[in-house]
């Protein structure tokens, strides 16, 4: 788990995270002080902004879809690991979408 500083930009409504370096175009297993310091997986784009919603990412040699909580709550940006997403799609324990019919 990485310890650093979360930064919020109200003009863009975006979050970023820095330690001794800025997280850009990478995953981070980070403690979230807004969620009782619960650690979770997050992904940051090339500009260092935390992703939300569905994103197609290159990971472990292939491109896969991942779901990051878009809700403006203390779990925003957290990658969903396993189960069914709020919009009805199934993801595996790594967070990757399992091609299937939505479970609505």
PDB file of N, CA and C in Angstrom:
ATOM      1  N   UNK A   1       0.851  -1.181   0.000  1.00  0.00           N
ATOM      2  CA  UNK A   1       0.000   0.000   0.000  1.00  0.00           C
ATOM      3  C   UNK A   1       0.890   1.235   0.000  1.00  0.00           C
ATOM      4  N   UNK A   2       0.553   2.156  -0.857  1.00  0.00           N
ATOM      5  CA  UNK A   2       1.321   3.382  -1.004  1.00  0.00           C
ATOM      6  C   UNK A   2       0.755   4.479  -0.122  1.00  0.00           C
ATOM      7  N   UNK A   3       1.627   5.246   0.507  1.00  0.00           N
ATOM      8  CA  UNK A   3       1.205   6.402   1.289  1.00  0.00           C
ATOM      9  C   UNK A   3       1.655   7.666   0.571  1.00  0.00           C
ATOM     10  N   UNK A   4       0.763   8.596   0.414  1.00  0.00           N
ATOM     11  CA  UNK A   4       1.068   9.838  -0.277  1.00  0.00           C
ATOM     12  C   UNK A   4      -0.036  10.841  -0.039  1.00  0.00           C
ATOM     13  N   UNK A   5      -0.281  11.687  -1.028  1.00  0.00           N
ATOM     14  CA  UNK A   5      -1.261  12.761  -0.894  1.00  0.00           C
ATOM     15  C   UNK A   5      -2.251  12.742  -2.048  1.00  0.00           C
ATOM     16  N   UNK A   6      -3.552  12.717  -1.695  1.00  0.00           N
ATOM     17  CA  UNK A   6      -4.614  12.879  -2.684  1.00  0.00           C
ATOM     18  C   UNK A   6      -4.822  14.369  -2.907  1.00  0.00           C
ATOM     19  N   UNK A   7      -5.034  14.757  -4.171  1.00  0.00           N
ATOM     20  CA  UNK A   7      -5.316  16.150  -4.505  1.00  0.00           C
ATOM     21  C   UNK A   7      -6.573  16.213  -5.369  1.00  0.00           C
ATOM     22  N   UNK A   8      -7.441  17.167  -5.034  1.00  0.00           N
ATOM     23  CA  UNK A   8      -8.685  17.355  -5.792  1.00  0.00           C
ATOM     24  C   UNK A   8      -8.650  18.707  -6.483  1.00  0.00           C
ATOM     25  N   UNK A   9      -8.999  18.715  -7.774  1.00  0.00           N
ATOM     26  CA  UNK A   9      -9.086  19.954  -8.546  1.00  0.00           C
ATOM     27  C   UNK A   9     -10.560  20.240  -8.802  1.00  0.00           C
ATOM     28  N   UNK A  10     -11.148  21.200  -8.079  1.00  0.00           N
ATOM     29  CA  UNK A  10     -12.574  21.471  -8.239  1.00  0.00           C
ATOM     30  C   UNK A  10     -12.948  22.003  -9.623  1.00  0.00           C
ATOM     31  N   UNK A  11     -12.001  22.608 -10.323  1.00  0.00           N
ATOM     32  CA  UNK A  11     -12.295  23.129 -11.664  1.00  0.00           C
ATOM     33  C   UNK A  11     -12.531  22.004 -12.666  1.00  0.00           C
ATOM     34  N   UNK A  12     -11.787  20.910 -12.536  1.00  0.00           N
ATOM     35  CA  UNK A  12     -11.943  19.784 -13.466  1.00  0.00           C
ATOM     36  C   UNK A  12     -12.720  18.629 -12.845  1.00  0.00           C
ATOM     37  N   UNK A  13     -12.982  18.701 -11.531  1.00  0.00           N
ATOM     38  CA  UNK A  13     -13.634  17.625 -10.783  1.00  0.00           C
ATOM     39  C   UNK A  13     -12.814  16.340 -10.865  1.00  0.00           C
ATOM     40  N   UNK A  14     -11.487  16.468 -10.851  1.00  0.00           N
ATOM     41  CA  UNK A  14     -10.578  15.323 -10.965  1.00  0.00           C
ATOM     42  C   UNK A  14      -9.716  15.187  -9.717  1.00  0.00           C
ATOM     43  N   UNK A  15      -9.375  13.922  -9.407  1.00  0.00           N
ATOM     44  CA  UNK A  15      -8.475  13.597  -8.308  1.00  0.00           C
ATOM     45  C   UNK A  15      -7.161  13.095  -8.875  1.00  0.00           C
ATOM     46  N   UNK A  16      -6.059  13.375  -8.195  1.00  0.00           N
ATOM     47  CA  UNK A  16      -4.746  12.829  -8.533  1.00  0.00           C
ATOM     48  C   UNK A  16      -4.084  12.379  -7.233  1.00  0.00           C
ATOM     49  N   UNK A  17      -2.961  11.688  -7.380  1.00  0.00           N
ATOM     50  CA  UNK A  17      -2.277  11.142  -6.213  1.00  0.00           C
ATOM     51  C   UNK A  17      -0.775  11.246  -6.428  1.00  0.00           C
ATOM     52  N   UNK A  18      -0.061  11.702  -5.414  1.00  0.00           N
ATOM     53  CA  UNK A  18       1.398  11.796  -5.514  1.00  0.00           C
ATOM     54  C   UNK A  18       2.056  11.246  -4.257  1.00  0.00           C
ATOM     55  N   UNK A  19       3.207  10.667  -4.460  1.00  0.00           N
ATOM     56  CA  UNK A  19       4.086  10.261  -3.359  1.00  0.00           C
ATOM     57  C   UNK A  19       5.383  11.003  -3.647  1.00  0.00           C
ATOM     58  N   UNK A  20       6.475  10.279  -3.822  1.00  0.00           N
ATOM     59  CA  UNK A  20       7.707  10.927  -4.257  1.00  0.00           C
ATOM     60  C   UNK A  20       7.648  11.184  -5.758  1.00  0.00           C
ATOM     61  N   UNK A  21       6.640  10.607  -6.423  1.00  0.00           N
ATOM     62  CA  UNK A  21       6.393  10.861  -7.842  1.00  0.00           C
ATOM     63  C   UNK A  21       4.886  10.915  -8.061  1.00  0.00           C
ATOM     64  N   UNK A  22       4.467  11.489  -9.190  1.00  0.00           N
ATOM     65  CA  UNK A  22       3.051  11.564  -9.526  1.00  0.00           C
ATOM     66  C   UNK A  22       2.650  10.292 -10.276  1.00  0.00           C
ATOM     67  N   UNK A  23       1.555   9.684  -9.889  1.00  0.00           N
ATOM     68  CA  UNK A  23       1.055   8.487 -10.550  1.00  0.00           C
ATOM     69  C   UNK A  23       0.480   8.887 -11.911  1.00  0.00           C
ATOM     70  N   UNK A  24       1.075   8.402 -12.989  1.00  0.00           N
ATOM     71  CA  UNK A  24       0.579   8.680 -14.340  1.00  0.00           C
ATOM     72  C   UNK A  24       0.590   7.406 -15.163  1.00  0.00           C
ATOM     73  N   UNK A  25      -0.528   7.154 -15.852  1.00  0.00           N
ATOM     74  CA  UNK A  25      -0.682   5.994 -16.722  1.00  0.00           C
ATOM     75  C   UNK A  25      -0.286   4.706 -16.014  1.00  0.00           C
ATOM     76  N   UNK A  26      -0.798   4.545 -14.790  1.00  0.00           N
ATOM     77  CA  UNK A  26      -0.423   3.379 -13.982  1.00  0.00           C
ATOM     78  C   UNK A  26      -1.482   3.047 -12.937  1.00  0.00           C
ATOM     79  N   UNK A  27      -1.390   1.826 -12.437  1.00  0.00           N
ATOM     80  CA  UNK A  27      -2.202   1.362 -11.316  1.00  0.00           C
ATOM     81  C   UNK A  27      -1.535   1.786 -10.016  1.00  0.00           C
ATOM     82  N   UNK A  28      -2.346   1.918  -8.968  1.00  0.00           N
ATOM     83  CA  UNK A  28      -1.816   2.147  -7.639  1.00  0.00           C
ATOM     84  C   UNK A  28      -2.699   1.472  -6.605  1.00  0.00           C
ATOM     85  N   UNK A  29      -2.096   0.743  -5.683  1.00  0.00           N
ATOM     86  CA  UNK A  29      -2.831   0.153  -4.556  1.00  0.00           C
ATOM     87  C   UNK A  29      -2.648   1.131  -3.412  1.00  0.00           C
ATOM     88  N   UNK A  30      -3.690   1.921  -3.151  1.00  0.00           N
ATOM     89  CA  UNK A  30      -3.556   3.112  -2.331  1.00  0.00           C
ATOM     90  C   UNK A  30      -4.571   3.134  -1.199  1.00  0.00           C
ATOM     91  N   UNK A  31      -4.111   3.565  -0.030  1.00  0.00           N
ATOM     92  CA  UNK A  31      -5.006   3.772   1.116  1.00  0.00           C
ATOM     93  C   UNK A  31      -5.817   5.036   0.859  1.00  0.00           C
ATOM     94  N   UNK A  32      -7.104   4.948   1.101  1.00  0.00           N
ATOM     95  CA  UNK A  32      -7.994   6.081   0.880  1.00  0.00           C
ATOM     96  C   UNK A  32      -8.414   6.650   2.229  1.00  0.00           C
ATOM     97  N   UNK A  33      -7.913   7.829   2.603  1.00  0.00           N
ATOM     98  CA  UNK A  33      -8.257   8.397   3.913  1.00  0.00           C
ATOM     99  C   UNK A  33      -9.732   8.762   4.029  1.00  0.00           C
ATOM    100  N   UNK A  34     -10.419   8.880   2.892  1.00  0.00           N
ATOM    101  CA  UNK A  34     -11.848   9.225   2.898  1.00  0.00           C
ATOM    102  C   UNK A  34     -12.715   7.986   3.068  1.00  0.00           C
ATOM    103  N   UNK A  35     -12.097   6.803   3.077  1.00  0.00           N
ATOM    104  CA  UNK A  35     -12.816   5.544   3.271  1.00  0.00           C
ATOM    105  C   UNK A  35     -12.187   4.778   4.427  1.00  0.00           C
ATOM    106  N   UNK A  36     -11.862   5.469   5.503  1.00  0.00           N
ATOM    107  CA  UNK A  36     -11.296   4.822   6.682  1.00  0.00           C
ATOM    108  C   UNK A  36      -9.945   4.193   6.431  1.00  0.00           C
ATOM    109  N   UNK A  37      -9.168   4.763   5.510  1.00  0.00           N
ATOM    110  CA  UNK A  37      -7.852   4.252   5.110  1.00  0.00           C
ATOM    111  C   UNK A  37      -7.902   2.866   4.487  1.00  0.00           C
ATOM    112  N   UNK A  38      -9.069   2.472   3.998  1.00  0.00           N
ATOM    113  CA  UNK A  38      -9.202   1.206   3.274  1.00  0.00           C
ATOM    114  C   UNK A  38      -8.374   1.303   1.991  1.00  0.00           C
ATOM    115  N   UNK A  39      -7.548   0.311   1.722  1.00  0.00           N
ATOM    116  CA  UNK A  39      -6.737   0.296   0.505  1.00  0.00           C
ATOM    117  C   UNK A  39      -7.536  -0.300  -0.644  1.00  0.00           C
ATOM    118  N   UNK A  40      -7.309   0.219  -1.843  1.00  0.00           N
ATOM    119  CA  UNK A  40      -7.995  -0.263  -3.033  1.00  0.00           C
ATOM    120  C   UNK A  40      -7.121  -0.003  -4.252  1.00  0.00           C
ATOM    121  N   UNK A  41      -7.493  -0.634  -5.371  1.00  0.00           N
ATOM    122  CA  UNK A  41      -6.801  -0.412  -6.639  1.00  0.00           C
ATOM    123  C   UNK A  41      -7.451   0.754  -7.365  1.00  0.00           C
ATOM    124  N   UNK A  42      -6.604   1.657  -7.850  1.00  0.00           N
ATOM    125  CA  UNK A  42      -7.019   2.810  -8.634  1.00  0.00           C
ATOM    126  C   UNK A  42      -6.159   2.837  -9.891  1.00  0.00           C
ATOM    127  N   UNK A  43      -6.634   3.540 -10.917  1.00  0.00           N
ATOM    128  CA  UNK A  43      -5.817   3.737 -12.112  1.00  0.00           C
ATOM    129  C   UNK A  43      -5.795   5.223 -12.433  1.00  0.00           C
ATOM    130  N   UNK A  44      -4.618   5.702 -12.842  1.00  0.00           N
ATOM    131  CA  UNK A  44      -4.427   7.115 -13.146  1.00  0.00           C
ATOM    132  C   UNK A  44      -4.031   7.264 -14.606  1.00  0.00           C
ATOM    133  N   UNK A  45      -4.663   8.208 -15.317  1.00  0.00           N
ATOM    134  CA  UNK A  45      -4.396   8.397 -16.741  1.00  0.00           C
ATOM    135  C   UNK A  45      -3.062   9.090 -16.989  1.00  0.00           C
ATOM    136  N   UNK A  46      -2.776   9.401 -18.254  1.00  0.00           N
ATOM    137  CA  UNK A  46      -1.479   9.984 -18.611  1.00  0.00           C
ATOM    138  C   UNK A  46      -1.256  11.357 -17.983  1.00  0.00           C
ATOM    139  N   UNK A  47      -2.347  12.027 -17.569  1.00  0.00           N
ATOM    140  CA  UNK A  47      -2.235  13.329 -16.908  1.00  0.00           C
ATOM    141  C   UNK A  47      -2.217  13.214 -15.391  1.00  0.00           C
ATOM    142  N   UNK A  48      -2.315  11.968 -14.885  1.00  0.00           N
ATOM    143  CA  UNK A  48      -2.300  11.744 -13.443  1.00  0.00           C
ATOM    144  C   UNK A  48      -3.668  11.804 -12.795  1.00  0.00           C
ATOM    145  N   UNK A  49      -4.738  11.849 -13.610  1.00  0.00           N
ATOM    146  CA  UNK A  49      -6.101  11.906 -13.064  1.00  0.00           C
ATOM    147  C   UNK A  49      -6.643  10.506 -12.808  1.00  0.00           C
ATOM    148  N   UNK A  50      -7.283  10.335 -11.672  1.00  0.00           N
ATOM    149  CA  UNK A  50      -7.895   9.065 -11.307  1.00  0.00           C
ATOM    150  C   UNK A  50      -9.057   8.769 -12.265  1.00  0.00           C
ATOM    151  N   UNK A  51      -9.128   7.531 -12.740  1.00  0.00           N
ATOM    152  CA  UNK A  51     -10.208   7.139 -13.648  1.00  0.00           C
ATOM    153  C   UNK A  51     -11.475   6.801 -12.884  1.00  0.00           C
ATOM    154  N   UNK A  52     -12.606   7.033 -13.526  1.00  0.00           N
ATOM    155  CA  UNK A  52     -13.910   6.585 -13.041  1.00  0.00           C
ATOM    156  C   UNK A  52     -14.677   6.027 -14.232  1.00  0.00           C
ATOM    157  N   UNK A  53     -15.642   5.151 -13.954  1.00  0.00           N
ATOM    158  CA  UNK A  53     -16.421   4.530 -15.024  1.00  0.00           C
ATOM    159  C   UNK A  53     -15.665   3.374 -15.661  1.00  0.00           C
ATOM    160  N   UNK A  54     -16.098   2.991 -16.877  1.00  0.00           N
ATOM    161  CA  UNK A  54     -15.478   1.893 -17.611  1.00  0.00           C
ATOM    162  C   UNK A  54     -14.301   2.388 -18.430  1.00  0.00           C
ATOM    163  N   UNK A  55     -13.178   1.614 -18.404  1.00  0.00           N
ATOM    164  CA  UNK A  55     -12.001   1.963 -19.199  1.00  0.00           C
ATOM    165  C   UNK A  55     -11.336   0.702 -19.738  1.00  0.00           C
ATOM    166  N   UNK A  56     -10.916   0.782 -21.000  1.00  0.00           N
ATOM    167  CA  UNK A  56     -10.177  -0.297 -21.635  1.00  0.00           C
ATOM    168  C   UNK A  56      -8.695  -0.048 -21.382  1.00  0.00           C
ATOM    169  N   UNK A  57      -8.061  -0.940 -20.610  1.00  0.00           N
ATOM    170  CA  UNK A  57      -6.673  -0.760 -20.209  1.00  0.00           C
ATOM    171  C   UNK A  57      -5.822  -1.947 -20.641  1.00  0.00           C
ATOM    172  N   UNK A  58      -4.582  -1.680 -20.941  1.00  0.00           N
ATOM    173  CA  UNK A  58      -3.625  -2.741 -21.262  1.00  0.00           C
ATOM    174  C   UNK A  58      -3.034  -3.242 -19.955  1.00  0.00           C
ATOM    175  N   UNK A  59      -3.168  -4.548 -19.688  1.00  0.00           N
ATOM    176  CA  UNK A  59      -2.681  -5.123 -18.443  1.00  0.00           C
ATOM    177  C   UNK A  59      -2.322  -6.583 -18.667  1.00  0.00           C
ATOM    178  N   UNK A  60      -1.170  -6.993 -18.183  1.00  0.00           N
ATOM    179  CA  UNK A  60      -0.713  -8.385 -18.292  1.00  0.00           C
ATOM    180  C   UNK A  60      -0.773  -8.912 -19.724  1.00  0.00           C
ATOM    181  N   UNK A  61      -0.342  -8.106 -20.681  1.00  0.00           N
ATOM    182  CA  UNK A  61      -0.244  -8.554 -22.060  1.00  0.00           C
ATOM    183  C   UNK A  61      -1.500  -8.464 -22.894  1.00  0.00           C
ATOM    184  N   UNK A  62      -2.592  -7.955 -22.340  1.00  0.00           N
ATOM    185  CA  UNK A  62      -3.815  -7.834 -23.145  1.00  0.00           C
ATOM    186  C   UNK A  62      -4.643  -6.634 -22.693  1.00  0.00           C
ATOM    187  N   UNK A  63      -5.561  -6.242 -23.553  1.00  0.00           N
ATOM    188  CA  UNK A  63      -6.470  -5.138 -23.230  1.00  0.00           C
ATOM    189  C   UNK A  63      -7.725  -5.713 -22.592  1.00  0.00           C
ATOM    190  N   UNK A  64      -8.115  -5.120 -21.483  1.00  0.00           N
ATOM    191  CA  UNK A  64      -9.315  -5.565 -20.771  1.00  0.00           C
ATOM    192  C   UNK A  64     -10.071  -4.350 -20.268  1.00  0.00           C
ATOM    193  N   UNK A  65     -11.387  -4.515 -20.121  1.00  0.00           N
ATOM    194  CA  UNK A  65     -12.239  -3.459 -19.567  1.00  0.00           C
ATOM    195  C   UNK A  65     -12.279  -3.571 -18.046  1.00  0.00           C
ATOM    196  N   UNK A  66     -12.179  -2.420 -17.370  1.00  0.00           N
ATOM    197  CA  UNK A  66     -12.238  -2.351 -15.906  1.00  0.00           C
ATOM    198  C   UNK A  66     -13.243  -1.279 -15.513  1.00  0.00           C
ATOM    199  N   UNK A  67     -13.901  -1.523 -14.375  1.00  0.00           N
ATOM    200  CA  UNK A  67     -14.909  -0.583 -13.874  1.00  0.00           C
ATOM    201  C   UNK A  67     -14.395   0.085 -12.604  1.00  0.00           C
ATOM    202  N   UNK A  68     -14.407   1.429 -12.615  1.00  0.00           N
ATOM    203  CA  UNK A  68     -13.977   2.238 -11.473  1.00  0.00           C
ATOM    204  C   UNK A  68     -15.169   3.055 -11.001  1.00  0.00           C
ATOM    205  N   UNK A  69     -15.460   2.981  -9.725  1.00  0.00           N
ATOM    206  CA  UNK A  69     -16.641   3.631  -9.155  1.00  0.00           C
ATOM    207  C   UNK A  69     -16.710   5.112  -9.572  1.00  0.00           C
ATOM    208  N   UNK A  70     -17.788   5.515 -10.273  1.00  0.00           N
ATOM    209  CA  UNK A  70     -17.923   6.908 -10.690  1.00  0.00           C
ATOM    210  C   UNK A  70     -18.667   7.784  -9.685  1.00  0.00           C
ATOM    211  N   UNK A  71     -19.259   7.162  -8.671  1.00  0.00           N
ATOM    212  CA  UNK A  71     -20.073   7.912  -7.718  1.00  0.00           C
ATOM    213  C   UNK A  71     -19.230   8.882  -6.899  1.00  0.00           C
ATOM    214  N   UNK A  72     -19.788  10.032  -6.626  1.00  0.00           N
ATOM    215  CA  UNK A  72     -19.082  11.037  -5.824  1.00  0.00           C
ATOM    216  C   UNK A  72     -19.272  10.716  -4.343  1.00  0.00           C
ATOM    217  N   UNK A  73     -18.581   9.651  -3.913  1.00  0.00           N
ATOM    218  CA  UNK A  73     -18.626   9.232  -2.511  1.00  0.00           C
ATOM    219  C   UNK A  73     -17.204   8.848  -2.089  1.00  0.00           C
ATOM    220  N   UNK A  74     -17.056   8.303  -0.905  1.00  0.00           N
ATOM    221  CA  UNK A  74     -15.705   7.999  -0.417  1.00  0.00           C
ATOM    222  C   UNK A  74     -15.091   6.748  -1.057  1.00  0.00           C
ATOM    223  N   UNK A  75     -15.745   6.161  -2.036  1.00  0.00           N
ATOM    224  CA  UNK A  75     -15.207   5.016  -2.768  1.00  0.00           C
ATOM    225  C   UNK A  75     -14.991   5.359  -4.248  1.00  0.00           C
ATOM    226  N   UNK A  76     -15.054   6.633  -4.587  1.00  0.00           N
ATOM    227  CA  UNK A  76     -14.909   7.081  -5.973  1.00  0.00           C
ATOM    228  C   UNK A  76     -13.547   6.644  -6.530  1.00  0.00           C
ATOM    229  N   UNK A  77     -13.571   6.079  -7.741  1.00  0.00           N
ATOM    230  CA  UNK A  77     -12.346   5.661  -8.411  1.00  0.00           C
ATOM    231  C   UNK A  77     -11.871   4.264  -8.069  1.00  0.00           C
ATOM    232  N   UNK A  78     -12.455   3.641  -7.062  1.00  0.00           N
ATOM    233  CA  UNK A  78     -12.049   2.296  -6.651  1.00  0.00           C
ATOM    234  C   UNK A  78     -12.420   1.294  -7.740  1.00  0.00           C
ATOM    235  N   UNK A  79     -11.468   0.437  -8.115  1.00  0.00           N
ATOM    236  CA  UNK A  79     -11.721  -0.612  -9.096  1.00  0.00           C
ATOM    237  C   UNK A  79     -12.557  -1.708  -8.437  1.00  0.00           C
ATOM    238  N   UNK A  80     -13.643  -2.108  -9.101  1.00  0.00           N
ATOM    239  CA  UNK A  80     -14.468  -3.183  -8.555  1.00  0.00           C
ATOM    240  C   UNK A  80     -13.812  -4.515  -8.855  1.00  0.00           C
ATOM    241  N   UNK A  81     -13.563  -5.287  -7.816  1.00  0.00           N
ATOM    242  CA  UNK A  81     -12.934  -6.597  -7.937  1.00  0.00           C
ATOM    243  C   UNK A  81     -13.978  -7.676  -7.688  1.00  0.00           C
ATOM    244  N   UNK A  82     -14.396  -8.338  -8.734  1.00  0.00           N
ATOM    245  CA  UNK A  82     -15.374  -9.418  -8.617  1.00  0.00           C
ATOM    246  C   UNK A  82     -16.796  -8.923  -8.467  1.00  0.00           C
ATOM    247  N   UNK A  83     -17.728  -9.745  -8.918  1.00  0.00           N
ATOM    248  CA  UNK A  83     -19.137  -9.446  -8.748  1.00  0.00           C
ATOM    249  C   UNK A  83     -19.751  -8.750  -9.953  1.00  0.00           C
ATOM    250  N   UNK A  84     -20.891  -8.125  -9.690  1.00  0.00           N
ATOM    251  CA  UNK A  84     -21.662  -7.454 -10.736  1.00  0.00           C
ATOM    252  C   UNK A  84     -21.599  -5.952 -10.511  1.00  0.00           C
ATOM    253  N   UNK A  85     -21.275  -5.209 -11.552  1.00  0.00           N
ATOM    254  CA  UNK A  85     -21.197  -3.748 -11.468  1.00  0.00           C
ATOM    255  C   UNK A  85     -22.604  -3.161 -11.366  1.00  0.00           C
ATOM    256  N   UNK A  86     -22.734  -1.913 -10.923  1.00  0.00           N
ATOM    257  CA  UNK A  86     -24.064  -1.304 -10.813  1.00  0.00           C
ATOM    258  C   UNK A  86     -24.850  -1.284 -12.126  1.00  0.00           C
ATOM    259  N   UNK A  87     -24.151  -1.304 -13.269  1.00  0.00           N
ATOM    260  CA  UNK A  87     -24.859  -1.317 -14.549  1.00  0.00           C
ATOM    261  C   UNK A  87     -25.068  -2.736 -15.089  1.00  0.00           C
ATOM    262  N   UNK A  88     -24.794  -3.745 -14.250  1.00  0.00           N
ATOM    263  CA  UNK A  88     -25.180  -5.109 -14.564  1.00  0.00           C
ATOM    264  C   UNK A  88     -24.158  -6.010 -15.216  1.00  0.00           C
ATOM    265  N   UNK A  89     -22.911  -5.589 -15.365  1.00  0.00           N
ATOM    266  CA  UNK A  89     -21.886  -6.415 -15.984  1.00  0.00           C
ATOM    267  C   UNK A  89     -21.063  -7.139 -14.912  1.00  0.00           C
ATOM    268  N   UNK A  90     -20.554  -8.313 -15.258  1.00  0.00           N
ATOM    269  CA  UNK A  90     -19.780  -9.118 -14.324  1.00  0.00           C
ATOM    270  C   UNK A  90     -18.284  -8.886 -14.536  1.00  0.00           C
ATOM    271  N   UNK A  91     -17.557  -8.713 -13.422  1.00  0.00           N
ATOM    272  CA  UNK A  91     -16.093  -8.595 -13.467  1.00  0.00           C
ATOM    273  C   UNK A  91     -15.488  -9.688 -12.595  1.00  0.00           C
ATOM    274  N   UNK A  92     -14.286 -10.127 -12.992  1.00  0.00           N
ATOM    275  CA  UNK A  92     -13.624 -11.182 -12.225  1.00  0.00           C
ATOM    276  C   UNK A  92     -12.884 -10.602 -11.026  1.00  0.00           C
ATOM    277  N   UNK A  93     -12.178 -11.459 -10.299  1.00  0.00           N
ATOM    278  CA  UNK A  93     -11.508 -11.038  -9.065  1.00  0.00           C
ATOM    279  C   UNK A  93     -10.361 -10.056  -9.306  1.00  0.00           C
ATOM    280  N   UNK A  94      -9.887  -9.956 -10.562  1.00  0.00           N
ATOM    281  CA  UNK A  94      -8.859  -8.955 -10.886  1.00  0.00           C
ATOM    282  C   UNK A  94      -9.493  -7.631 -11.303  1.00  0.00           C
ATOM    283  N   UNK A  95     -10.820  -7.629 -11.451  1.00  0.00           N
ATOM    284  CA  UNK A  95     -11.533  -6.430 -11.872  1.00  0.00           C
ATOM    285  C   UNK A  95     -11.843  -6.390 -13.353  1.00  0.00           C
ATOM    286  N   UNK A  96     -11.347  -7.367 -14.125  1.00  0.00           N
ATOM    287  CA  UNK A  96     -11.571  -7.384 -15.574  1.00  0.00           C
ATOM    288  C   UNK A  96     -12.990  -7.852 -15.902  1.00  0.00           C
ATOM    289  N   UNK A  97     -13.588  -7.192 -16.894  1.00  0.00           N
ATOM    290  CA  UNK A  97     -14.927  -7.548 -17.366  1.00  0.00           C
ATOM    291  C   UNK A  97     -14.935  -8.955 -17.930  1.00  0.00           C
ATOM    292  N   UNK A  98     -15.956  -9.738 -17.547  1.00  0.00           N
ATOM    293  CA  UNK A  98     -16.170 -11.073 -18.095  1.00  0.00           C
ATOM    294  C   UNK A  98     -17.235 -10.922 -19.166  1.00  0.00           C
ATOM    295  N   UNK A  99     -16.877 -11.241 -20.415  1.00  0.00           N
ATOM    296  CA  UNK A  99     -17.832 -11.080 -21.505  1.00  0.00           C
ATOM    297  C   UNK A  99     -19.056 -11.927 -21.227  1.00  0.00           C
ATOM    298  N   UNK A 100     -20.186 -11.232 -21.088  1.00  0.00           N
ATOM    299  CA  UNK A 100     -21.430 -11.910 -20.741  1.00  0.00           C
ATOM    300  C   UNK A 100     -22.592 -10.964 -21.020  1.00  0.00           C
ATOM    301  N   UNK A 101     -23.772 -11.475 -20.861  1.00  0.00           N
ATOM    302  CA  UNK A 101     -24.979 -10.655 -20.946  1.00  0.00           C
ATOM    303  C   UNK A 101     -25.133  -9.963 -19.604  1.00  0.00           C
ATOM    304  N   UNK A 102     -25.493  -8.656 -19.614  1.00  0.00           N
ATOM    305  CA  UNK A 102     -25.640  -7.967 -18.319  1.00  0.00           C
ATOM    306  C   UNK A 102     -26.695  -8.614 -17.451  1.00  0.00           C
ATOM    307  N   UNK A 103     -26.432  -8.591 -16.135  1.00  0.00           N
ATOM    308  CA  UNK A 103     -27.352  -9.197 -15.161  1.00  0.00           C
ATOM    309  C   UNK A 103     -28.223  -8.090 -14.564  1.00  0.00           C
ATOM    310  N   UNK A 104     -29.204  -7.643 -15.325  1.00  0.00           N
ATOM    311  CA  UNK A 104     -30.091  -6.570 -14.858  1.00  0.00           C
ATOM    312  C   UNK A 104     -31.396  -7.117 -14.377  1.00  0.00           C
TER     313      UNK A 104
END
